[in-house]
Amino acid sequence: KAVTADAGVPDSIAAALAQVSDEM
């Protein structure tokens, strides 16, 4: 699964990994 995120932006990386947990 591809998820776009910017590791240097806390809200971006946190939201992306939360999405991974929710969907996978």
PDBML (XML) file of the C-alpha atoms, coordinates in Angstrom:
<?xml version="1.0" encoding="UTF-8" ?>
<PDBx:datablock datablockName="MODEL"
   xmlns:PDBx="http://pdbml.pdb.org/schema/pdbx-v50.xsd"
   xmlns:xsi="http://www.w3.org/2001/XMLSchema-instance"
   xsi:schemaLocation="http://pdbml.pdb.org/schema/pdbx-v50.xsd pdbx-v50.xsd">
   <PDBx:atom_siteCategory>
      <PDBx:atom_site id="1">
         <PDBx:B_iso_or_equiv>0.00</PDBx:B_iso_or_equiv>
         <PDBx:Cartn_x>0.000</PDBx:Cartn_x>
         <PDBx:Cartn_y>0.000</PDBx:Cartn_y>
         <PDBx:Cartn_z>0.000</PDBx:Cartn_z>
         <PDBx:auth_asym_id>A</PDBx:auth_asym_id>
         <PDBx:auth_atom_id>CA</PDBx:auth_atom_id>
         <PDBx:auth_comp_id>LYS</PDBx:auth_comp_id>
         <PDBx:auth_seq_id>1</PDBx:auth_seq_id>
         <PDBx:group_PDB>ATOM</PDBx:group_PDB>
         <PDBx:label_alt_id xsi:nil="true" />
         <PDBx:label_asym_id>A</PDBx:label_asym_id>
         <PDBx:label_atom_id>CA</PDBx:label_atom_id>
         <PDBx:label_comp_id>LYS</PDBx:label_comp_id>
         <PDBx:label_entity_id>1</PDBx:label_entity_id>
         <PDBx:label_seq_id>1</PDBx:label_seq_id>
         <PDBx:occupancy>1.00</PDBx:occupancy>
         <PDBx:pdbx_PDB_model_num>1</PDBx:pdbx_PDB_model_num>
         <PDBx:type_symbol>C</PDBx:type_symbol>
      </PDBx:atom_site>
      <PDBx:atom_site id="2">
         <PDBx:B_iso_or_equiv>0.00</PDBx:B_iso_or_equiv>
         <PDBx:Cartn_x>1.355</PDBx:Cartn_x>
         <PDBx:Cartn_y>3.415</PDBx:Cartn_y>
         <PDBx:Cartn_z>-0.968</PDBx:Cartn_z>
         <PDBx:auth_asym_id>A</PDBx:auth_asym_id>
         <PDBx:auth_atom_id>CA</PDBx:auth_atom_id>
         <PDBx:auth_comp_id>ALA</PDBx:auth_comp_id>
         <PDBx:auth_seq_id>2</PDBx:auth_seq_id>
         <PDBx:group_PDB>ATOM</PDBx:group_PDB>
         <PDBx:label_alt_id xsi:nil="true" />
         <PDBx:label_asym_id>A</PDBx:label_asym_id>
         <PDBx:label_atom_id>CA</PDBx:label_atom_id>
         <PDBx:label_comp_id>ALA</PDBx:label_comp_id>
         <PDBx:label_entity_id>1</PDBx:label_entity_id>
         <PDBx:label_seq_id>2</PDBx:label_seq_id>
         <PDBx:occupancy>1.00</PDBx:occupancy>
         <PDBx:pdbx_PDB_model_num>1</PDBx:pdbx_PDB_model_num>
         <PDBx:type_symbol>C</PDBx:type_symbol>
      </PDBx:atom_site>
      <PDBx:atom_site id="3">
         <PDBx:B_iso_or_equiv>0.00</PDBx:B_iso_or_equiv>
         <PDBx:Cartn_x>0.739</PDBx:Cartn_x>
         <PDBx:Cartn_y>6.303</PDBx:Cartn_y>
         <PDBx:Cartn_z>1.427</PDBx:Cartn_z>
         <PDBx:auth_asym_id>A</PDBx:auth_asym_id>
         <PDBx:auth_atom_id>CA</PDBx:auth_atom_id>
         <PDBx:auth_comp_id>VAL</PDBx:auth_comp_id>
         <PDBx:auth_seq_id>3</PDBx:auth_seq_id>
         <PDBx:group_PDB>ATOM</PDBx:group_PDB>
         <PDBx:label_alt_id xsi:nil="true" />
         <PDBx:label_asym_id>A</PDBx:label_asym_id>
         <PDBx:label_atom_id>CA</PDBx:label_atom_id>
         <PDBx:label_comp_id>VAL</PDBx:label_comp_id>
         <PDBx:label_entity_id>1</PDBx:label_entity_id>
         <PDBx:label_seq_id>3</PDBx:label_seq_id>
         <PDBx:occupancy>1.00</PDBx:occupancy>
         <PDBx:pdbx_PDB_model_num>1</PDBx:pdbx_PDB_model_num>
         <PDBx:type_symbol>C</PDBx:type_symbol>
      </PDBx:atom_site>
      <PDBx:atom_site id="4">
         <PDBx:B_iso_or_equiv>0.00</PDBx:B_iso_or_equiv>
         <PDBx:Cartn_x>2.065</PDBx:Cartn_x>
         <PDBx:Cartn_y>9.790</PDBx:Cartn_y>
         <PDBx:Cartn_z>0.777</PDBx:Cartn_z>
         <PDBx:auth_asym_id>A</PDBx:auth_asym_id>
         <PDBx:auth_atom_id>CA</PDBx:auth_atom_id>
         <PDBx:auth_comp_id>THR</PDBx:auth_comp_id>
         <PDBx:auth_seq_id>4</PDBx:auth_seq_id>
         <PDBx:group_PDB>ATOM</PDBx:group_PDB>
         <PDBx:label_alt_id xsi:nil="true" />
         <PDBx:label_asym_id>A</PDBx:label_asym_id>
         <PDBx:label_atom_id>CA</PDBx:label_atom_id>
         <PDBx:label_comp_id>THR</PDBx:label_comp_id>
         <PDBx:label_entity_id>1</PDBx:label_entity_id>
         <PDBx:label_seq_id>4</PDBx:label_seq_id>
         <PDBx:occupancy>1.00</PDBx:occupancy>
         <PDBx:pdbx_PDB_model_num>1</PDBx:pdbx_PDB_model_num>
         <PDBx:type_symbol>C</PDBx:type_symbol>
      </PDBx:atom_site>
      <PDBx:atom_site id="5">
         <PDBx:B_iso_or_equiv>0.00</PDBx:B_iso_or_equiv>
         <PDBx:Cartn_x>3.617</PDBx:Cartn_x>
         <PDBx:Cartn_y>11.483</PDBx:Cartn_y>
         <PDBx:Cartn_z>3.792</PDBx:Cartn_z>
         <PDBx:auth_asym_id>A</PDBx:auth_asym_id>
         <PDBx:auth_atom_id>CA</PDBx:auth_atom_id>
         <PDBx:auth_comp_id>ALA</PDBx:auth_comp_id>
         <PDBx:auth_seq_id>5</PDBx:auth_seq_id>
         <PDBx:group_PDB>ATOM</PDBx:group_PDB>
         <PDBx:label_alt_id xsi:nil="true" />
         <PDBx:label_asym_id>A</PDBx:label_asym_id>
         <PDBx:label_atom_id>CA</PDBx:label_atom_id>
         <PDBx:label_comp_id>ALA</PDBx:label_comp_id>
         <PDBx:label_entity_id>1</PDBx:label_entity_id>
         <PDBx:label_seq_id>5</PDBx:label_seq_id>
         <PDBx:occupancy>1.00</PDBx:occupancy>
         <PDBx:pdbx_PDB_model_num>1</PDBx:pdbx_PDB_model_num>
         <PDBx:type_symbol>C</PDBx:type_symbol>
      </PDBx:atom_site>
      <PDBx:atom_site id="6">
         <PDBx:B_iso_or_equiv>0.00</PDBx:B_iso_or_equiv>
         <PDBx:Cartn_x>6.315</PDBx:Cartn_x>
         <PDBx:Cartn_y>13.969</PDBx:Cartn_y>
         <PDBx:Cartn_z>4.722</PDBx:Cartn_z>
         <PDBx:auth_asym_id>A</PDBx:auth_asym_id>
         <PDBx:auth_atom_id>CA</PDBx:auth_atom_id>
         <PDBx:auth_comp_id>ASP</PDBx:auth_comp_id>
         <PDBx:auth_seq_id>6</PDBx:auth_seq_id>
         <PDBx:group_PDB>ATOM</PDBx:group_PDB>
         <PDBx:label_alt_id xsi:nil="true" />
         <PDBx:label_asym_id>A</PDBx:label_asym_id>
         <PDBx:label_atom_id>CA</PDBx:label_atom_id>
         <PDBx:label_comp_id>ASP</PDBx:label_comp_id>
         <PDBx:label_entity_id>1</PDBx:label_entity_id>
         <PDBx:label_seq_id>6</PDBx:label_seq_id>
         <PDBx:occupancy>1.00</PDBx:occupancy>
         <PDBx:pdbx_PDB_model_num>1</PDBx:pdbx_PDB_model_num>
         <PDBx:type_symbol>C</PDBx:type_symbol>
      </PDBx:atom_site>
      <PDBx:atom_site id="7">
         <PDBx:B_iso_or_equiv>0.00</PDBx:B_iso_or_equiv>
         <PDBx:Cartn_x>8.506</PDBx:Cartn_x>
         <PDBx:Cartn_y>12.573</PDBx:Cartn_y>
         <PDBx:Cartn_z>7.495</PDBx:Cartn_z>
         <PDBx:auth_asym_id>A</PDBx:auth_asym_id>
         <PDBx:auth_atom_id>CA</PDBx:auth_atom_id>
         <PDBx:auth_comp_id>ALA</PDBx:auth_comp_id>
         <PDBx:auth_seq_id>7</PDBx:auth_seq_id>
         <PDBx:group_PDB>ATOM</PDBx:group_PDB>
         <PDBx:label_alt_id xsi:nil="true" />
         <PDBx:label_asym_id>A</PDBx:label_asym_id>
         <PDBx:label_atom_id>CA</PDBx:label_atom_id>
         <PDBx:label_comp_id>ALA</PDBx:label_comp_id>
         <PDBx:label_entity_id>1</PDBx:label_entity_id>
         <PDBx:label_seq_id>7</PDBx:label_seq_id>
         <PDBx:occupancy>1.00</PDBx:occupancy>
         <PDBx:pdbx_PDB_model_num>1</PDBx:pdbx_PDB_model_num>
         <PDBx:type_symbol>C</PDBx:type_symbol>
      </PDBx:atom_site>
      <PDBx:atom_site id="8">
         <PDBx:B_iso_or_equiv>0.00</PDBx:B_iso_or_equiv>
         <PDBx:Cartn_x>9.547</PDBx:Cartn_x>
         <PDBx:Cartn_y>16.083</PDBx:Cartn_y>
         <PDBx:Cartn_z>8.493</PDBx:Cartn_z>
         <PDBx:auth_asym_id>A</PDBx:auth_asym_id>
         <PDBx:auth_atom_id>CA</PDBx:auth_atom_id>
         <PDBx:auth_comp_id>GLY</PDBx:auth_comp_id>
         <PDBx:auth_seq_id>8</PDBx:auth_seq_id>
         <PDBx:group_PDB>ATOM</PDBx:group_PDB>
         <PDBx:label_alt_id xsi:nil="true" />
         <PDBx:label_asym_id>A</PDBx:label_asym_id>
         <PDBx:label_atom_id>CA</PDBx:label_atom_id>
         <PDBx:label_comp_id>GLY</PDBx:label_comp_id>
         <PDBx:label_entity_id>1</PDBx:label_entity_id>
         <PDBx:label_seq_id>8</PDBx:label_seq_id>
         <PDBx:occupancy>1.00</PDBx:occupancy>
         <PDBx:pdbx_PDB_model_num>1</PDBx:pdbx_PDB_model_num>
         <PDBx:type_symbol>C</PDBx:type_symbol>
      </PDBx:atom_site>
      <PDBx:atom_site id="9">
         <PDBx:B_iso_or_equiv>0.00</PDBx:B_iso_or_equiv>
         <PDBx:Cartn_x>5.978</PDBx:Cartn_x>
         <PDBx:Cartn_y>17.150</PDBx:Cartn_y>
         <PDBx:Cartn_z>9.292</PDBx:Cartn_z>
         <PDBx:auth_asym_id>A</PDBx:auth_asym_id>
         <PDBx:auth_atom_id>CA</PDBx:auth_atom_id>
         <PDBx:auth_comp_id>VAL</PDBx:auth_comp_id>
         <PDBx:auth_seq_id>9</PDBx:auth_seq_id>
         <PDBx:group_PDB>ATOM</PDBx:group_PDB>
         <PDBx:label_alt_id xsi:nil="true" />
         <PDBx:label_asym_id>A</PDBx:label_asym_id>
         <PDBx:label_atom_id>CA</PDBx:label_atom_id>
         <PDBx:label_comp_id>VAL</PDBx:label_comp_id>
         <PDBx:label_entity_id>1</PDBx:label_entity_id>
         <PDBx:label_seq_id>9</PDBx:label_seq_id>
         <PDBx:occupancy>1.00</PDBx:occupancy>
         <PDBx:pdbx_PDB_model_num>1</PDBx:pdbx_PDB_model_num>
         <PDBx:type_symbol>C</PDBx:type_symbol>
      </PDBx:atom_site>
      <PDBx:atom_site id="10">
         <PDBx:B_iso_or_equiv>0.00</PDBx:B_iso_or_equiv>
         <PDBx:Cartn_x>4.699</PDBx:Cartn_x>
         <PDBx:Cartn_y>15.500</PDBx:Cartn_y>
         <PDBx:Cartn_z>12.493</PDBx:Cartn_z>
         <PDBx:auth_asym_id>A</PDBx:auth_asym_id>
         <PDBx:auth_atom_id>CA</PDBx:auth_atom_id>
         <PDBx:auth_comp_id>PRO</PDBx:auth_comp_id>
         <PDBx:auth_seq_id>10</PDBx:auth_seq_id>
         <PDBx:group_PDB>ATOM</PDBx:group_PDB>
         <PDBx:label_alt_id xsi:nil="true" />
         <PDBx:label_asym_id>A</PDBx:label_asym_id>
         <PDBx:label_atom_id>CA</PDBx:label_atom_id>
         <PDBx:label_comp_id>PRO</PDBx:label_comp_id>
         <PDBx:label_entity_id>1</PDBx:label_entity_id>
         <PDBx:label_seq_id>10</PDBx:label_seq_id>
         <PDBx:occupancy>1.00</PDBx:occupancy>
         <PDBx:pdbx_PDB_model_num>1</PDBx:pdbx_PDB_model_num>
         <PDBx:type_symbol>C</PDBx:type_symbol>
      </PDBx:atom_site>
      <PDBx:atom_site id="11">
         <PDBx:B_iso_or_equiv>0.00</PDBx:B_iso_or_equiv>
         <PDBx:Cartn_x>0.997</PDBx:Cartn_x>
         <PDBx:Cartn_y>15.613</PDBx:Cartn_y>
         <PDBx:Cartn_z>11.606</PDBx:Cartn_z>
         <PDBx:auth_asym_id>A</PDBx:auth_asym_id>
         <PDBx:auth_atom_id>CA</PDBx:auth_atom_id>
         <PDBx:auth_comp_id>ASP</PDBx:auth_comp_id>
         <PDBx:auth_seq_id>11</PDBx:auth_seq_id>
         <PDBx:group_PDB>ATOM</PDBx:group_PDB>
         <PDBx:label_alt_id xsi:nil="true" />
         <PDBx:label_asym_id>A</PDBx:label_asym_id>
         <PDBx:label_atom_id>CA</PDBx:label_atom_id>
         <PDBx:label_comp_id>ASP</PDBx:label_comp_id>
         <PDBx:label_entity_id>1</PDBx:label_entity_id>
         <PDBx:label_seq_id>11</PDBx:label_seq_id>
         <PDBx:occupancy>1.00</PDBx:occupancy>
         <PDBx:pdbx_PDB_model_num>1</PDBx:pdbx_PDB_model_num>
         <PDBx:type_symbol>C</PDBx:type_symbol>
      </PDBx:atom_site>
      <PDBx:atom_site id="12">
         <PDBx:B_iso_or_equiv>0.00</PDBx:B_iso_or_equiv>
         <PDBx:Cartn_x>1.719</PDBx:Cartn_x>
         <PDBx:Cartn_y>14.134</PDBx:Cartn_y>
         <PDBx:Cartn_z>8.170</PDBx:Cartn_z>
         <PDBx:auth_asym_id>A</PDBx:auth_asym_id>
         <PDBx:auth_atom_id>CA</PDBx:auth_atom_id>
         <PDBx:auth_comp_id>SER</PDBx:auth_comp_id>
         <PDBx:auth_seq_id>12</PDBx:auth_seq_id>
         <PDBx:group_PDB>ATOM</PDBx:group_PDB>
         <PDBx:label_alt_id xsi:nil="true" />
         <PDBx:label_asym_id>A</PDBx:label_asym_id>
         <PDBx:label_atom_id>CA</PDBx:label_atom_id>
         <PDBx:label_comp_id>SER</PDBx:label_comp_id>
         <PDBx:label_entity_id>1</PDBx:label_entity_id>
         <PDBx:label_seq_id>12</PDBx:label_seq_id>
         <PDBx:occupancy>1.00</PDBx:occupancy>
         <PDBx:pdbx_PDB_model_num>1</PDBx:pdbx_PDB_model_num>
         <PDBx:type_symbol>C</PDBx:type_symbol>
      </PDBx:atom_site>
      <PDBx:atom_site id="13">
         <PDBx:B_iso_or_equiv>0.00</PDBx:B_iso_or_equiv>
         <PDBx:Cartn_x>3.709</PDBx:Cartn_x>
         <PDBx:Cartn_y>11.125</PDBx:Cartn_y>
         <PDBx:Cartn_z>9.340</PDBx:Cartn_z>
         <PDBx:auth_asym_id>A</PDBx:auth_asym_id>
         <PDBx:auth_atom_id>CA</PDBx:auth_atom_id>
         <PDBx:auth_comp_id>ILE</PDBx:auth_comp_id>
         <PDBx:auth_seq_id>13</PDBx:auth_seq_id>
         <PDBx:group_PDB>ATOM</PDBx:group_PDB>
         <PDBx:label_alt_id xsi:nil="true" />
         <PDBx:label_asym_id>A</PDBx:label_asym_id>
         <PDBx:label_atom_id>CA</PDBx:label_atom_id>
         <PDBx:label_comp_id>ILE</PDBx:label_comp_id>
         <PDBx:label_entity_id>1</PDBx:label_entity_id>
         <PDBx:label_seq_id>13</PDBx:label_seq_id>
         <PDBx:occupancy>1.00</PDBx:occupancy>
         <PDBx:pdbx_PDB_model_num>1</PDBx:pdbx_PDB_model_num>
         <PDBx:type_symbol>C</PDBx:type_symbol>
      </PDBx:atom_site>
      <PDBx:atom_site id="14">
         <PDBx:B_iso_or_equiv>0.00</PDBx:B_iso_or_equiv>
         <PDBx:Cartn_x>1.396</PDBx:Cartn_x>
         <PDBx:Cartn_y>10.451</PDBx:Cartn_y>
         <PDBx:Cartn_z>12.295</PDBx:Cartn_z>
         <PDBx:auth_asym_id>A</PDBx:auth_asym_id>
         <PDBx:auth_atom_id>CA</PDBx:auth_atom_id>
         <PDBx:auth_comp_id>ALA</PDBx:auth_comp_id>
         <PDBx:auth_seq_id>14</PDBx:auth_seq_id>
         <PDBx:group_PDB>ATOM</PDBx:group_PDB>
         <PDBx:label_alt_id xsi:nil="true" />
         <PDBx:label_asym_id>A</PDBx:label_asym_id>
         <PDBx:label_atom_id>CA</PDBx:label_atom_id>
         <PDBx:label_comp_id>ALA</PDBx:label_comp_id>
         <PDBx:label_entity_id>1</PDBx:label_entity_id>
         <PDBx:label_seq_id>14</PDBx:label_seq_id>
         <PDBx:occupancy>1.00</PDBx:occupancy>
         <PDBx:pdbx_PDB_model_num>1</PDBx:pdbx_PDB_model_num>
         <PDBx:type_symbol>C</PDBx:type_symbol>
      </PDBx:atom_site>
      <PDBx:atom_site id="15">
         <PDBx:B_iso_or_equiv>0.00</PDBx:B_iso_or_equiv>
         <PDBx:Cartn_x>-1.703</PDBx:Cartn_x>
         <PDBx:Cartn_y>10.570</PDBx:Cartn_y>
         <PDBx:Cartn_z>10.097</PDBx:Cartn_z>
         <PDBx:auth_asym_id>A</PDBx:auth_asym_id>
         <PDBx:auth_atom_id>CA</PDBx:auth_atom_id>
         <PDBx:auth_comp_id>ALA</PDBx:auth_comp_id>
         <PDBx:auth_seq_id>15</PDBx:auth_seq_id>
         <PDBx:group_PDB>ATOM</PDBx:group_PDB>
         <PDBx:label_alt_id xsi:nil="true" />
         <PDBx:label_asym_id>A</PDBx:label_asym_id>
         <PDBx:label_atom_id>CA</PDBx:label_atom_id>
         <PDBx:label_comp_id>ALA</PDBx:label_comp_id>
         <PDBx:label_entity_id>1</PDBx:label_entity_id>
         <PDBx:label_seq_id>15</PDBx:label_seq_id>
         <PDBx:occupancy>1.00</PDBx:occupancy>
         <PDBx:pdbx_PDB_model_num>1</PDBx:pdbx_PDB_model_num>
         <PDBx:type_symbol>C</PDBx:type_symbol>
      </PDBx:atom_site>
      <PDBx:atom_site id="16">
         <PDBx:B_iso_or_equiv>0.00</PDBx:B_iso_or_equiv>
         <PDBx:Cartn_x>-0.124</PDBx:Cartn_x>
         <PDBx:Cartn_y>8.331</PDBx:Cartn_y>
         <PDBx:Cartn_z>7.460</PDBx:Cartn_z>
         <PDBx:auth_asym_id>A</PDBx:auth_asym_id>
         <PDBx:auth_atom_id>CA</PDBx:auth_atom_id>
         <PDBx:auth_comp_id>ALA</PDBx:auth_comp_id>
         <PDBx:auth_seq_id>16</PDBx:auth_seq_id>
         <PDBx:group_PDB>ATOM</PDBx:group_PDB>
         <PDBx:label_alt_id xsi:nil="true" />
         <PDBx:label_asym_id>A</PDBx:label_asym_id>
         <PDBx:label_atom_id>CA</PDBx:label_atom_id>
         <PDBx:label_comp_id>ALA</PDBx:label_comp_id>
         <PDBx:label_entity_id>1</PDBx:label_entity_id>
         <PDBx:label_seq_id>16</PDBx:label_seq_id>
         <PDBx:occupancy>1.00</PDBx:occupancy>
         <PDBx:pdbx_PDB_model_num>1</PDBx:pdbx_PDB_model_num>
         <PDBx:type_symbol>C</PDBx:type_symbol>
      </PDBx:atom_site>
      <PDBx:atom_site id="17">
         <PDBx:B_iso_or_equiv>0.00</PDBx:B_iso_or_equiv>
         <PDBx:Cartn_x>0.853</PDBx:Cartn_x>
         <PDBx:Cartn_y>5.645</PDBx:Cartn_y>
         <PDBx:Cartn_z>9.971</PDBx:Cartn_z>
         <PDBx:auth_asym_id>A</PDBx:auth_asym_id>
         <PDBx:auth_atom_id>CA</PDBx:auth_atom_id>
         <PDBx:auth_comp_id>LEU</PDBx:auth_comp_id>
         <PDBx:auth_seq_id>17</PDBx:auth_seq_id>
         <PDBx:group_PDB>ATOM</PDBx:group_PDB>
         <PDBx:label_alt_id xsi:nil="true" />
         <PDBx:label_asym_id>A</PDBx:label_asym_id>
         <PDBx:label_atom_id>CA</PDBx:label_atom_id>
         <PDBx:label_comp_id>LEU</PDBx:label_comp_id>
         <PDBx:label_entity_id>1</PDBx:label_entity_id>
         <PDBx:label_seq_id>17</PDBx:label_seq_id>
         <PDBx:occupancy>1.00</PDBx:occupancy>
         <PDBx:pdbx_PDB_model_num>1</PDBx:pdbx_PDB_model_num>
         <PDBx:type_symbol>C</PDBx:type_symbol>
      </PDBx:atom_site>
      <PDBx:atom_site id="18">
         <PDBx:B_iso_or_equiv>0.00</PDBx:B_iso_or_equiv>
         <PDBx:Cartn_x>-2.571</PDBx:Cartn_x>
         <PDBx:Cartn_y>5.852</PDBx:Cartn_y>
         <PDBx:Cartn_z>11.623</PDBx:Cartn_z>
         <PDBx:auth_asym_id>A</PDBx:auth_asym_id>
         <PDBx:auth_atom_id>CA</PDBx:auth_atom_id>
         <PDBx:auth_comp_id>ALA</PDBx:auth_comp_id>
         <PDBx:auth_seq_id>18</PDBx:auth_seq_id>
         <PDBx:group_PDB>ATOM</PDBx:group_PDB>
         <PDBx:label_alt_id xsi:nil="true" />
         <PDBx:label_asym_id>A</PDBx:label_asym_id>
         <PDBx:label_atom_id>CA</PDBx:label_atom_id>
         <PDBx:label_comp_id>ALA</PDBx:label_comp_id>
         <PDBx:label_entity_id>1</PDBx:label_entity_id>
         <PDBx:label_seq_id>18</PDBx:label_seq_id>
         <PDBx:occupancy>1.00</PDBx:occupancy>
         <PDBx:pdbx_PDB_model_num>1</PDBx:pdbx_PDB_model_num>
         <PDBx:type_symbol>C</PDBx:type_symbol>
      </PDBx:atom_site>
      <PDBx:atom_site id="19">
         <PDBx:B_iso_or_equiv>0.00</PDBx:B_iso_or_equiv>
         <PDBx:Cartn_x>-4.083</PDBx:Cartn_x>
         <PDBx:Cartn_y>5.261</PDBx:Cartn_y>
         <PDBx:Cartn_z>8.189</PDBx:Cartn_z>
         <PDBx:auth_asym_id>A</PDBx:auth_asym_id>
         <PDBx:auth_atom_id>CA</PDBx:auth_atom_id>
         <PDBx:auth_comp_id>GLN</PDBx:auth_comp_id>
         <PDBx:auth_seq_id>19</PDBx:auth_seq_id>
         <PDBx:group_PDB>ATOM</PDBx:group_PDB>
         <PDBx:label_alt_id xsi:nil="true" />
         <PDBx:label_asym_id>A</PDBx:label_asym_id>
         <PDBx:label_atom_id>CA</PDBx:label_atom_id>
         <PDBx:label_comp_id>GLN</PDBx:label_comp_id>
         <PDBx:label_entity_id>1</PDBx:label_entity_id>
         <PDBx:label_seq_id>19</PDBx:label_seq_id>
         <PDBx:occupancy>1.00</PDBx:occupancy>
         <PDBx:pdbx_PDB_model_num>1</PDBx:pdbx_PDB_model_num>
         <PDBx:type_symbol>C</PDBx:type_symbol>
      </PDBx:atom_site>
      <PDBx:atom_site id="20">
         <PDBx:B_iso_or_equiv>0.00</PDBx:B_iso_or_equiv>
         <PDBx:Cartn_x>-1.856</PDBx:Cartn_x>
         <PDBx:Cartn_y>2.227</PDBx:Cartn_y>
         <PDBx:Cartn_z>7.718</PDBx:Cartn_z>
         <PDBx:auth_asym_id>A</PDBx:auth_asym_id>
         <PDBx:auth_atom_id>CA</PDBx:auth_atom_id>
         <PDBx:auth_comp_id>VAL</PDBx:auth_comp_id>
         <PDBx:auth_seq_id>20</PDBx:auth_seq_id>
         <PDBx:group_PDB>ATOM</PDBx:group_PDB>
         <PDBx:label_alt_id xsi:nil="true" />
         <PDBx:label_asym_id>A</PDBx:label_asym_id>
         <PDBx:label_atom_id>CA</PDBx:label_atom_id>
         <PDBx:label_comp_id>VAL</PDBx:label_comp_id>
         <PDBx:label_entity_id>1</PDBx:label_entity_id>
         <PDBx:label_seq_id>20</PDBx:label_seq_id>
         <PDBx:occupancy>1.00</PDBx:occupancy>
         <PDBx:pdbx_PDB_model_num>1</PDBx:pdbx_PDB_model_num>
         <PDBx:type_symbol>C</PDBx:type_symbol>
      </PDBx:atom_site>
      <PDBx:atom_site id="21">
         <PDBx:B_iso_or_equiv>0.00</PDBx:B_iso_or_equiv>
         <PDBx:Cartn_x>-3.002</PDBx:Cartn_x>
         <PDBx:Cartn_y>0.759</PDBx:Cartn_y>
         <PDBx:Cartn_z>11.033</PDBx:Cartn_z>
         <PDBx:auth_asym_id>A</PDBx:auth_asym_id>
         <PDBx:auth_atom_id>CA</PDBx:auth_atom_id>
         <PDBx:auth_comp_id>SER</PDBx:auth_comp_id>
         <PDBx:auth_seq_id>21</PDBx:auth_seq_id>
         <PDBx:group_PDB>ATOM</PDBx:group_PDB>
         <PDBx:label_alt_id xsi:nil="true" />
         <PDBx:label_asym_id>A</PDBx:label_asym_id>
         <PDBx:label_atom_id>CA</PDBx:label_atom_id>
         <PDBx:label_comp_id>SER</PDBx:label_comp_id>
         <PDBx:label_entity_id>1</PDBx:label_entity_id>
         <PDBx:label_seq_id>21</PDBx:label_seq_id>
         <PDBx:occupancy>1.00</PDBx:occupancy>
         <PDBx:pdbx_PDB_model_num>1</PDBx:pdbx_PDB_model_num>
         <PDBx:type_symbol>C</PDBx:type_symbol>
      </PDBx:atom_site>
      <PDBx:atom_site id="22">
         <PDBx:B_iso_or_equiv>0.00</PDBx:B_iso_or_equiv>
         <PDBx:Cartn_x>-6.671</PDBx:Cartn_x>
         <PDBx:Cartn_y>1.448</PDBx:Cartn_y>
         <PDBx:Cartn_z>10.251</PDBx:Cartn_z>
         <PDBx:auth_asym_id>A</PDBx:auth_asym_id>
         <PDBx:auth_atom_id>CA</PDBx:auth_atom_id>
         <PDBx:auth_comp_id>ASP</PDBx:auth_comp_id>
         <PDBx:auth_seq_id>22</PDBx:auth_seq_id>
         <PDBx:group_PDB>ATOM</PDBx:group_PDB>
         <PDBx:label_alt_id xsi:nil="true" />
         <PDBx:label_asym_id>A</PDBx:label_asym_id>
         <PDBx:label_atom_id>CA</PDBx:label_atom_id>
         <PDBx:label_comp_id>ASP</PDBx:label_comp_id>
         <PDBx:label_entity_id>1</PDBx:label_entity_id>
         <PDBx:label_seq_id>22</PDBx:label_seq_id>
         <PDBx:occupancy>1.00</PDBx:occupancy>
         <PDBx:pdbx_PDB_model_num>1</PDBx:pdbx_PDB_model_num>
         <PDBx:type_symbol>C</PDBx:type_symbol>
      </PDBx:atom_site>
      <PDBx:atom_site id="23">
         <PDBx:B_iso_or_equiv>0.00</PDBx:B_iso_or_equiv>
         <PDBx:Cartn_x>-6.573</PDBx:Cartn_x>
         <PDBx:Cartn_y>-0.036</PDBx:Cartn_y>
         <PDBx:Cartn_z>6.754</PDBx:Cartn_z>
         <PDBx:auth_asym_id>A</PDBx:auth_asym_id>
         <PDBx:auth_atom_id>CA</PDBx:auth_atom_id>
         <PDBx:auth_comp_id>GLU</PDBx:auth_comp_id>
         <PDBx:auth_seq_id>23</PDBx:auth_seq_id>
         <PDBx:group_PDB>ATOM</PDBx:group_PDB>
         <PDBx:label_alt_id xsi:nil="true" />
         <PDBx:label_asym_id>A</PDBx:label_asym_id>
         <PDBx:label_atom_id>CA</PDBx:label_atom_id>
         <PDBx:label_comp_id>GLU</PDBx:label_comp_id>
         <PDBx:label_entity_id>1</PDBx:label_entity_id>
         <PDBx:label_seq_id>23</PDBx:label_seq_id>
         <PDBx:occupancy>1.00</PDBx:occupancy>
         <PDBx:pdbx_PDB_model_num>1</PDBx:pdbx_PDB_model_num>
         <PDBx:type_symbol>C</PDBx:type_symbol>
      </PDBx:atom_site>
      <PDBx:atom_site id="24">
         <PDBx:B_iso_or_equiv>0.00</PDBx:B_iso_or_equiv>
         <PDBx:Cartn_x>-3.973</PDBx:Cartn_x>
         <PDBx:Cartn_y>-2.808</PDBx:Cartn_y>
         <PDBx:Cartn_z>7.056</PDBx:Cartn_z>
         <PDBx:auth_asym_id>A</PDBx:auth_asym_id>
         <PDBx:auth_atom_id>CA</PDBx:auth_atom_id>
         <PDBx:auth_comp_id>MET</PDBx:auth_comp_id>
         <PDBx:auth_seq_id>24</PDBx:auth_seq_id>
         <PDBx:group_PDB>ATOM</PDBx:group_PDB>
         <PDBx:label_alt_id xsi:nil="true" />
         <PDBx:label_asym_id>A</PDBx:label_asym_id>
         <PDBx:label_atom_id>CA</PDBx:label_atom_id>
         <PDBx:label_comp_id>MET</PDBx:label_comp_id>
         <PDBx:label_entity_id>1</PDBx:label_entity_id>
         <PDBx:label_seq_id>24</PDBx:label_seq_id>
         <PDBx:occupancy>1.00</PDBx:occupancy>
         <PDBx:pdbx_PDB_model_num>1</PDBx:pdbx_PDB_model_num>
         <PDBx:type_symbol>C</PDBx:type_symbol>
      </PDBx:atom_site>
   </PDBx:atom_siteCategory>
</PDBx:datablock>
